[in-house]
Structure formats: structure tokens, C-alpha cells
Amino acid sequence: MDDTPKGLLRELRSSILRKRIGQIALAVLLAEAALQFLNTLTWYLIIPVIGRALRGQTESVLFEKSTESPIRWETLFGSALLLTLTVIVVIFLNRWIERGLAVARLAHSESNASGEEEVMADTTGSVK
């Protein structure tokens, strides 16, 4: 076992790749950011627009408050920025995981190839 930071990182990557937990965690992060963006879009843009279109002539408390205050563009921009940054982080982490998976596959195929050569050498009596 390698106790250097590079070894610990390699071990972490291999443990994440074994069970595909990394991809599931990234999907959950992306879904949470998308849900938050849709929630913000609904509460701070769609409901105020509907409330203003109805000019407050509704019995819902939601529309009364939304017609009194202006649209909060800062909140909408912040939510869009959060979604964008989350997508960027998820893309880079997914590439990192996939690269580790490709390295693991390559190492596995090389170990299988060397194992096959040994078996072939034993059965034929000559080495390739």
C-alpha cells in the first residue's frame, strides 16, 4: 500500500471505479443543481410574470406577493451560474473517472495478454 498522496488518489479512483459510485454521485449533483435552477426559475420568474399578467386579480397568496416585488434577476443569474459551474465540474470529474477506468481496462487487458502468452508457451513448448 502506497501512503503518498499520489498513491492514495490512485486508490480512491480505483475504488470509485469499481462500483460506479462516482458516476452516480455526479448524476445526483447534476440533478440537484438542475432542480434548484428550475425551482428558482419558477418562483422568481414564472410566478411573477403570471401574477403581473393577471394584475393581482387572483385569490392565491403567491401572486399577491409576486406582483408587489420586482423580478429578482440577481437570484436567477446566481442560480444559472451555479448550474453552469456544476455542469463544468461534473464534466471534468467524469473525464477524470473515465480516464482512470481506461487505464484500469488497459492494465487488465495487458495482464490477460501476458497470461495468454504464458499459457501458449506452456502448451507449445516455445515462446513467441
Protein backbone atom coordinates (compact mmCIF):
# COMPACT_ATOMS: atom_id res chain seq x y z
CA MET A 1 0.00 0.00 0.00
CA ASP A 2 1.38 3.37 -1.04
CA ASP A 3 0.89 6.12 1.56
CA THR A 4 1.89 9.01 -0.68
CA PRO A 5 -0.82 11.42 -1.83
CA LYS A 6 -0.50 10.13 -5.38
CA GLY A 7 -0.98 6.55 -4.21
CA LEU A 8 -3.98 7.48 -2.08
CA LEU A 9 -5.52 9.32 -5.03
CA ARG A 10 -4.93 6.32 -7.28
CA GLU A 11 -6.53 4.03 -4.70
CA LEU A 12 -9.50 6.38 -4.31
CA ARG A 13 -10.00 6.48 -8.06
CA SER A 14 -9.89 2.68 -8.36
CA SER A 15 -12.35 2.21 -5.51
CA ILE A 16 -14.74 4.72 -7.08
CA LEU A 17 -14.46 3.00 -10.44
CA ARG A 18 -15.15 -0.46 -9.09
CA LYS A 19 -18.71 0.23 -8.07
CA ARG A 20 -19.58 3.13 -10.38
CA ILE A 21 -20.33 5.20 -7.32
CA GLY A 22 -18.59 8.17 -8.91
CA GLN A 23 -20.97 8.38 -11.84
CA ILE A 24 -23.97 8.05 -9.56
CA ALA A 25 -22.70 10.81 -7.28
CA LEU A 26 -22.08 13.08 -10.28
CA ALA A 27 -25.59 12.40 -11.58
CA VAL A 28 -27.04 13.32 -8.18
CA LEU A 29 -25.04 16.57 -8.10
CA LEU A 30 -26.18 17.49 -11.60
CA ALA A 31 -29.81 16.64 -10.86
CA GLU A 32 -29.75 18.70 -7.66
CA ALA A 33 -28.36 21.74 -9.49
CA ALA A 34 -30.92 21.39 -12.29
CA LEU A 35 -33.75 21.05 -9.77
CA GLN A 36 -32.58 24.14 -7.91
CA PHE A 37 -32.40 26.09 -11.18
CA LEU A 38 -35.93 25.04 -12.18
CA ASN A 39 -37.22 25.89 -8.73
CA THR A 40 -35.63 29.34 -8.85
CA LEU A 41 -36.89 29.89 -12.39
CA THR A 42 -40.42 29.01 -11.33
CA TRP A 43 -40.57 31.07 -8.13
CA TYR A 44 -38.67 34.15 -9.28
CA LEU A 45 -39.63 34.43 -12.96
CA ILE A 46 -42.69 32.42 -13.98
CA ILE A 47 -44.94 33.14 -10.99
CA PRO A 48 -44.22 36.91 -11.01
CA VAL A 49 -44.91 37.07 -14.77
CA ILE A 50 -48.22 35.23 -14.34
CA GLY A 51 -49.10 37.44 -11.36
CA ARG A 52 -48.44 40.59 -13.36
CA ALA A 53 -50.37 39.25 -16.33
CA LEU A 54 -53.36 38.68 -14.04
CA ARG A 55 -52.71 42.06 -12.36
CA GLY A 56 -53.14 40.58 -8.91
CA GLN A 57 -56.72 39.56 -9.63
CA THR A 58 -56.37 36.13 -8.12
CA GLU A 59 -57.11 34.57 -4.77
CA SER A 60 -53.70 32.97 -4.37
CA VAL A 61 -51.29 34.46 -1.86
CA LEU A 62 -48.40 33.59 -4.16
CA PHE A 63 -49.50 36.02 -6.83
CA GLU A 64 -50.13 38.89 -4.41
CA LYS A 65 -46.56 38.97 -3.15
CA SER A 66 -45.02 38.37 -6.56
CA THR A 67 -46.80 41.32 -8.19
CA GLU A 68 -45.65 43.71 -5.46
CA SER A 69 -41.92 42.97 -5.73
CA PRO A 70 -39.83 43.20 -8.89
CA ILE A 71 -38.31 40.16 -10.56
CA ARG A 72 -35.12 39.17 -8.74
CA TRP A 73 -32.65 38.96 -11.60
CA GLU A 74 -29.70 38.51 -9.22
CA THR A 75 -31.19 35.32 -7.82
CA LEU A 76 -31.95 33.99 -11.30
CA PHE A 77 -28.43 34.81 -12.51
CA GLY A 78 -26.89 33.19 -9.42
CA SER A 79 -28.88 30.02 -9.96
CA ALA A 80 -27.93 29.88 -13.65
CA LEU A 81 -24.28 30.42 -12.72
CA LEU A 82 -24.46 27.64 -10.13
CA LEU A 83 -25.93 25.26 -12.72
CA THR A 84 -23.22 26.18 -15.24
CA LEU A 85 -20.40 25.67 -12.74
CA THR A 86 -21.89 22.36 -11.62
CA VAL A 87 -22.03 21.14 -15.21
CA ILE A 88 -18.38 22.12 -15.74
CA VAL A 89 -17.26 20.34 -12.56
CA VAL A 90 -19.29 17.23 -13.42
CA ILE A 91 -17.77 17.09 -16.92
CA PHE A 92 -14.21 17.32 -15.60
CA LEU A 93 -14.78 14.80 -12.80
CA ASN A 94 -16.42 12.40 -15.25
CA ARG A 95 -13.40 12.69 -17.57
CA TRP A 96 -11.11 12.01 -14.62
CA ILE A 97 -13.08 8.90 -13.68
CA GLU A 98 -13.28 7.68 -17.29
CA ARG A 99 -9.54 8.15 -17.76
CA GLY A 100 -8.91 6.04 -14.67
CA LEU A 101 -11.32 3.43 -15.98
CA ALA A 102 -9.50 3.33 -19.32
CA VAL A 103 -6.16 2.88 -17.53
CA ALA A 104 -7.64 0.07 -15.44
CA ARG A 105 -9.01 -1.63 -18.57
CA LEU A 106 -5.65 -1.31 -20.31
CA ALA A 107 -3.82 -2.79 -17.32
CA HIS A 108 -6.36 -5.60 -17.14
CA SER A 109 -6.04 -6.37 -20.86
CA GLU A 110 -2.23 -6.33 -20.62
CA SER A 111 -2.33 -8.74 -17.71
CA ASN A 112 -4.66 -11.02 -19.69
CA ALA A 113 -2.43 -10.81 -22.76
CA SER A 114 0.69 -11.74 -20.76
CA GLY A 115 -1.22 -14.58 -19.11
CA GLU A 116 -2.28 -15.93 -22.51
CA GLU A 117 1.32 -15.85 -23.78
CA GLU A 118 2.45 -17.88 -20.78
CA VAL A 119 -0.27 -20.46 -21.42
CA MET A 120 0.67 -20.62 -25.12
CA ALA A 121 4.33 -21.07 -24.23
CA ASP A 122 3.47 -23.93 -21.88
CA THR A 123 1.30 -25.79 -24.42
CA THR A 124 3.56 -25.41 -27.46
CA GLY A 125 6.89 -25.53 -25.70
CA SER A 126 8.16 -22.41 -27.47
CA VAL A 127 7.93 -18.76 -26.64
CA LYS A 128 6.56 -16.23 -29.16
